[in-house]
Amino acid sequence: MSEEFKQLVSTQWLEEHLRSKEKLKILDASWYLPSENRNPKKEFLVTHIPGSHYFDIDLFSDPNHQLPHMVPSVERFCNEISKLGVKDEDHIVFYDGLGMFSAARAWWLLKLFGFNRVSVLDGGLPKWISEKRVVTSEISASNIGHITPKFVRQLVCDWKKVKTFLPRRSRQIIDARSSERFRGLAAEPRPGLRSGHIPGSTNICYKELINEDHTIKSQASLLAIFSSKGIDLSLPIITSCGSGVTAAILFLALELVGVKDVAIYDGSWAEWGQRDDLDVETEL
């Protein structure tokens, strides 16, 4: 499982490989904020890329934790991924219904558990549909799979590690939330959370990294964005967001430009914003 695969694949690439006999597993990892009033699983049953299965991000989290989307145990991860028929030799391609949103979280989760044969469909389902490529409501059969996990601990961190970054300007924290939320000018969508951001962190909203056609921006554009925000790509970086979903888009973008020392703060603002013992900055 140490073999590296492209982080992104195009819609054309996927369509061509759908016809081949290669070991390809396509997973729809759509997830939406509660405010969007959308049901990703129901939408999957109506429209999806042929041969794909539904990857429920909420199932691939710790059910015993009060915070949303916390990394599951190795046992739970293996149990859920085996139900989707995933095997060690498969190449997994994730996509989602917004184009570039929750698929990155699913991609990162597989890498966290040591599975590197994994990619994200650039542009996701919206681009696929806009190009009039085939979709279906037919559900494909799936056998029980098996993967050999290897937890890559350095790809994730907790609030304690984040706190060690605060006094050190040689380390950086990037927040993927909107500018309004980051600055403390907009209320958090989850009740009971303070507004603002982790002291010393930098705001790069995930939407800044995405083109109008839902694909991620070119390497040159990503480098220009990080440079304009004062990010030193040679130094360790932690990415954060609301609950660890869009932080994975930052993680993906950083990996695309060659950054290796990156971790996601799993608790993100859902944790930091509710803890009175952790400092918060605002622009109020």
Protein backbone atom coordinates (compact mmCIF):
# COMPACT_ATOMS: atom_id res chain seq x y z
CA MET A 1 0.00 0.00 0.00
CA SER A 2 2.99 2.32 -0.13
CA GLU A 3 2.53 3.05 -3.86
CA GLU A 4 1.56 6.67 -4.50
CA PHE A 5 -1.30 7.55 -6.83
CA LYS A 6 -2.28 10.91 -8.31
CA GLN A 7 -4.17 13.06 -5.83
CA LEU A 8 -6.57 14.14 -8.58
CA VAL A 9 -8.07 12.38 -11.59
CA SER A 10 -10.09 14.09 -14.31
CA THR A 11 -13.61 13.25 -15.40
CA GLN A 12 -12.21 12.10 -18.75
CA TRP A 13 -9.73 9.80 -17.02
CA LEU A 14 -12.47 8.26 -14.89
CA GLU A 15 -14.82 7.74 -17.82
CA GLU A 16 -12.07 5.99 -19.77
CA HIS A 17 -11.10 3.77 -16.85
CA LEU A 18 -14.71 2.84 -16.09
CA ARG A 19 -14.61 0.74 -19.24
CA SER A 20 -11.39 -1.04 -18.28
CA LYS A 21 -10.87 -4.14 -16.17
CA GLU A 22 -8.68 -2.31 -13.66
CA LYS A 23 -9.28 -2.62 -9.92
CA LEU A 24 -11.15 0.65 -9.54
CA LYS A 25 -13.50 1.48 -6.67
CA ILE A 26 -15.58 4.67 -7.01
CA LEU A 27 -17.06 6.12 -3.83
CA ASP A 28 -19.51 9.00 -3.45
CA ALA A 29 -18.48 10.84 -0.26
CA SER A 30 -21.09 13.61 -0.47
CA TRP A 31 -21.87 15.38 2.79
CA TYR A 32 -23.69 18.66 3.32
CA LEU A 33 -24.03 21.21 6.07
CA PRO A 34 -27.36 20.98 7.93
CA SER A 35 -28.31 24.45 6.64
CA GLU A 36 -28.38 23.09 3.07
CA ASN A 37 -31.28 20.73 3.84
CA ARG A 38 -29.93 18.05 1.49
CA ASN A 39 -29.82 14.31 2.04
CA PRO A 40 -26.70 12.94 0.31
CA LYS A 41 -27.67 9.28 0.63
CA LYS A 42 -31.10 9.84 -0.93
CA GLU A 43 -29.51 11.86 -3.72
CA PHE A 44 -27.04 9.04 -4.32
CA LEU A 45 -29.89 6.55 -4.74
CA VAL A 46 -31.31 8.75 -7.51
CA THR A 47 -28.16 9.87 -9.31
CA HIS A 48 -24.57 8.62 -9.15
CA ILE A 49 -21.63 7.68 -11.32
CA PRO A 50 -22.03 4.09 -12.60
CA GLY A 51 -20.46 1.49 -10.35
CA SER A 52 -20.06 3.81 -7.39
CA HIS A 53 -21.02 3.16 -3.76
CA TYR A 54 -21.95 5.61 -1.03
CA PHE A 55 -19.26 6.50 1.51
CA ASP A 56 -20.99 7.95 4.59
CA ILE A 57 -18.57 10.33 6.30
CA ASP A 58 -20.68 10.25 9.45
CA LEU A 59 -20.20 6.47 9.67
CA PHE A 60 -16.45 6.93 9.23
CA SER A 61 -16.18 8.86 12.49
CA ASP A 62 -16.07 8.12 16.20
CA PRO A 63 -19.68 7.50 17.35
CA ASN A 64 -18.68 7.80 21.01
CA HIS A 65 -17.22 11.30 20.69
CA GLN A 66 -19.33 14.39 21.31
CA LEU A 67 -17.54 16.25 18.51
CA PRO A 68 -18.51 15.74 14.86
CA HIS A 69 -16.33 13.84 12.37
CA MET A 70 -13.64 12.75 14.79
CA VAL A 71 -11.36 10.06 13.40
CA PRO A 72 -12.76 6.55 14.05
CA SER A 73 -10.89 3.67 15.62
CA VAL A 74 -8.91 1.39 13.31
CA GLU A 75 -11.45 -1.36 14.01
CA ARG A 76 -14.42 0.80 13.05
CA PHE A 77 -12.69 2.12 9.95
CA CYS A 78 -11.82 -1.38 8.73
CA ASN A 79 -15.31 -2.66 9.46
CA GLU A 80 -17.01 0.15 7.50
CA ILE A 81 -14.60 0.18 4.54
CA SER A 82 -14.87 -3.60 4.16
CA LYS A 83 -18.64 -3.24 3.68
CA LEU A 84 -17.89 -1.19 0.57
CA GLY A 85 -15.84 -4.02 -0.91
CA VAL A 86 -12.52 -2.14 -0.79
CA LYS A 87 -9.40 -4.29 -1.07
CA ASP A 88 -5.71 -3.50 -0.69
CA GLU A 89 -5.13 -3.69 -4.44
CA ASP A 90 -7.97 -1.31 -5.39
CA HIS A 91 -7.55 2.24 -6.63
CA ILE A 92 -10.19 4.34 -4.87
CA VAL A 93 -11.64 7.47 -6.48
CA PHE A 94 -13.77 9.73 -4.30
CA TYR A 95 -16.21 12.35 -5.53
CA ASP A 96 -18.98 14.47 -4.01
CA GLY A 97 -22.08 16.40 -5.00
CA LEU A 98 -20.54 19.85 -4.58
CA GLY A 99 -17.51 19.18 -6.77
CA MET A 100 -14.72 19.73 -4.26
CA PHE A 101 -15.94 19.57 -0.70
CA SER A 102 -16.30 16.42 1.40
CA ALA A 103 -14.48 14.09 -1.02
CA ALA A 104 -11.19 15.55 0.20
CA ARG A 105 -12.01 14.49 3.78
CA ALA A 106 -12.67 10.93 2.61
CA TRP A 107 -9.43 10.95 0.60
CA TRP A 108 -7.50 12.14 3.65
CA LEU A 109 -9.09 9.49 5.89
CA LEU A 110 -7.87 6.72 3.60
CA LYS A 111 -4.36 8.21 3.64
CA LEU A 112 -4.55 8.47 7.44
CA PHE A 113 -5.11 4.73 7.61
CA GLY A 114 -2.19 4.05 5.31
CA PHE A 115 -4.05 3.58 2.02
CA ASN A 116 -2.28 5.56 -0.73
CA ARG A 117 -4.04 4.12 -3.78
CA VAL A 118 -6.60 6.91 -3.53
CA SER A 119 -7.59 9.95 -5.62
CA VAL A 120 -10.24 12.68 -5.77
CA LEU A 121 -12.33 13.26 -8.89
CA ASP A 122 -11.49 16.84 -9.87
CA GLY A 123 -14.77 18.72 -10.24
CA GLY A 124 -16.80 15.88 -8.79
CA LEU A 125 -20.36 15.04 -9.75
CA PRO A 126 -21.28 18.59 -10.91
CA LYS A 127 -18.54 18.57 -13.57
CA TRP A 128 -19.35 15.00 -14.54
CA ILE A 129 -23.01 15.90 -15.09
CA SER A 130 -22.26 19.22 -16.84
CA GLU A 131 -20.21 17.26 -19.38
CA LYS A 132 -23.22 14.99 -19.98
CA ARG A 133 -21.41 11.88 -18.85
CA VAL A 134 -23.48 8.85 -17.87
CA VAL A 135 -25.17 8.69 -14.47
CA THR A 136 -27.44 6.01 -13.07
CA SER A 137 -29.73 5.07 -10.20
CA GLU A 138 -28.72 1.42 -10.42
CA ILE A 139 -27.02 0.14 -7.27
CA SER A 140 -24.01 -2.08 -7.87
CA ALA A 141 -23.49 -5.23 -5.84
CA SER A 142 -20.56 -5.22 -3.45
CA ASN A 143 -18.67 -8.08 -1.85
CA ILE A 144 -16.98 -7.81 1.53
CA GLY A 145 -13.51 -6.36 1.11
CA HIS A 146 -10.40 -6.16 3.27
CA ILE A 147 -7.56 -3.69 3.68
CA THR A 148 -4.47 -3.79 5.83
CA PRO A 149 -4.45 -0.53 7.83
CA LYS A 150 -1.40 1.39 8.95
CA PHE A 151 -2.32 4.44 10.99
CA VAL A 152 -0.20 7.43 9.91
CA ARG A 153 -0.30 9.43 13.13
CA GLN A 154 1.52 12.51 11.83
CA LEU A 155 -1.38 13.38 9.50
CA VAL A 156 -3.70 14.30 12.38
CA CYS A 157 -3.35 16.27 15.60
CA ASP A 158 -5.32 17.34 18.66
CA TRP A 159 -5.78 20.66 20.45
CA LYS A 160 -2.70 20.06 22.61
CA LYS A 161 -0.43 19.97 19.58
CA VAL A 162 -2.16 23.02 18.10
CA LYS A 163 -1.49 24.88 21.33
CA THR A 164 2.24 24.16 21.00
CA PHE A 165 2.16 25.94 17.63
CA LEU A 166 0.81 29.18 19.10
CA PRO A 167 4.00 30.76 20.49
CA ARG A 168 6.14 29.56 17.58
CA ARG A 169 6.11 31.58 14.38
CA SER A 170 8.13 28.77 12.81
CA ARG A 171 4.88 26.79 12.66
CA GLN A 172 1.65 27.74 10.94
CA ILE A 173 -2.09 27.13 11.32
CA ILE A 174 -4.40 27.69 8.35
CA ASP A 175 -8.18 27.98 8.84
CA ALA A 176 -10.44 27.03 5.90
CA ARG A 177 -13.62 28.71 7.20
CA SER A 178 -15.14 31.82 5.67
CA SER A 179 -13.57 35.21 6.39
CA GLU A 180 -16.65 36.29 8.34
CA ARG A 181 -16.51 33.31 10.66
CA PHE A 182 -12.73 33.54 11.03
CA ARG A 183 -12.87 37.22 11.95
CA GLY A 184 -15.70 36.67 14.43
CA LEU A 185 -18.17 38.74 12.42
CA ALA A 186 -20.56 35.84 11.77
CA ALA A 187 -22.08 33.38 14.21
CA GLU A 188 -21.01 29.76 14.01
CA PRO A 189 -23.56 27.35 12.49
CA ARG A 190 -23.18 25.01 15.45
CA PRO A 191 -24.79 26.29 18.68
CA GLY A 192 -22.66 27.01 21.73
CA LEU A 193 -19.49 27.96 19.89
CA ARG A 194 -17.61 31.22 20.32
CA SER A 195 -16.84 33.27 17.24
CA GLY A 196 -13.32 34.02 16.06
CA HIS A 197 -10.20 31.98 15.38
CA ILE A 198 -7.17 30.28 16.90
CA PRO A 199 -4.62 32.97 17.85
CA GLY A 200 -1.95 33.44 15.21
CA SER A 201 -3.74 31.40 12.57
CA THR A 202 -4.15 32.46 8.93
CA ASN A 203 -7.42 32.40 7.02
CA ILE A 204 -7.58 30.82 3.56
CA CYS A 205 -11.21 29.96 2.86
CA TYR A 206 -11.40 26.69 0.96
CA LYS A 207 -13.48 28.39 -1.75
CA GLU A 208 -10.42 30.45 -2.72
CA LEU A 209 -8.77 27.21 -3.87
CA ILE A 210 -11.57 26.15 -6.24
CA ASN A 211 -12.42 27.20 -9.80
CA GLU A 212 -15.91 28.00 -11.07
CA ASP A 213 -16.17 24.54 -12.63
CA HIS A 214 -15.58 23.01 -9.17
CA THR A 215 -12.05 21.82 -9.98
CA ILE A 216 -9.15 22.73 -7.74
CA LYS A 217 -6.91 25.54 -8.97
CA SER A 218 -3.64 24.96 -10.79
CA GLN A 219 -0.41 24.43 -8.89
CA ALA A 220 0.79 27.91 -9.91
CA SER A 221 -2.42 29.52 -8.65
CA LEU A 222 -2.27 27.60 -5.37
CA LEU A 223 1.34 28.65 -4.83
CA ALA A 224 0.38 32.27 -5.48
CA ILE A 225 -2.47 32.07 -2.94
CA PHE A 226 -0.27 30.58 -0.23
CA SER A 227 2.44 33.15 -0.94
CA SER A 228 -0.03 36.05 -0.79
CA LYS A 229 -1.15 34.87 2.64
CA GLY A 230 2.41 34.71 3.94
CA ILE A 231 2.53 30.92 4.23
CA ASP A 232 6.02 29.45 4.31
CA LEU A 233 5.66 26.05 2.67
CA SER A 234 8.96 24.84 4.12
CA LEU A 235 7.58 24.95 7.67
CA PRO A 236 5.14 22.60 9.48
CA ILE A 237 1.46 23.38 8.84
CA ILE A 238 -1.78 22.46 10.62
CA THR A 239 -5.08 22.90 8.79
CA SER A 240 -8.37 23.53 10.56
CA CYS A 241 -12.00 24.42 9.75
CA GLY A 242 -15.40 23.85 11.36
CA SER A 243 -15.29 20.09 11.89
CA GLY A 244 -12.36 18.77 9.88
CA VAL A 245 -14.07 18.51 6.47
CA THR A 246 -12.87 21.53 4.48
CA ALA A 247 -9.53 21.46 6.31
CA ALA A 248 -8.91 18.43 4.10
CA ILE A 249 -9.24 20.61 0.98
CA LEU A 250 -6.40 22.73 2.33
CA PHE A 251 -4.47 19.54 3.07
CA LEU A 252 -5.03 18.35 -0.51
CA ALA A 253 -3.99 21.70 -1.99
CA LEU A 254 -0.82 21.75 0.11
CA GLU A 255 0.07 18.23 -0.98
CA LEU A 256 -0.52 19.21 -4.61
CA VAL A 257 2.19 21.88 -4.29
CA GLY A 258 4.62 19.45 -2.68
CA VAL A 259 4.20 20.16 1.04
CA LYS A 260 4.75 17.06 3.18
CA ASP A 261 4.64 18.29 6.79
CA VAL A 262 0.88 18.87 7.12
CA ALA A 263 -1.65 17.65 9.68
CA ILE A 264 -5.37 18.24 10.18
CA TYR A 265 -6.60 19.46 13.55
CA ASP A 266 -9.37 16.89 13.90
CA GLY A 267 -11.46 18.74 16.49
CA SER A 268 -11.18 22.02 14.55
CA TRP A 269 -13.43 24.91 15.58
CA ALA A 270 -16.15 22.55 16.84
CA GLU A 271 -13.74 21.78 19.68
CA TRP A 272 -11.64 24.94 20.03
CA GLY A 273 -14.66 27.23 19.89
CA GLN A 274 -16.45 25.49 22.75
CA ARG A 275 -13.54 25.32 25.18
CA ASP A 276 -13.26 28.29 27.53
CA ASP A 277 -9.70 27.31 28.45
CA LEU A 278 -8.45 27.97 24.90
CA ASP A 279 -7.79 31.52 23.72
CA VAL A 280 -9.70 33.05 20.81
CA GLU A 281 -8.94 36.05 18.60
CA THR A 282 -11.53 38.18 16.79
CA GLU A 283 -11.59 41.39 14.78
CA LEU A 284 -14.51 42.89 16.68
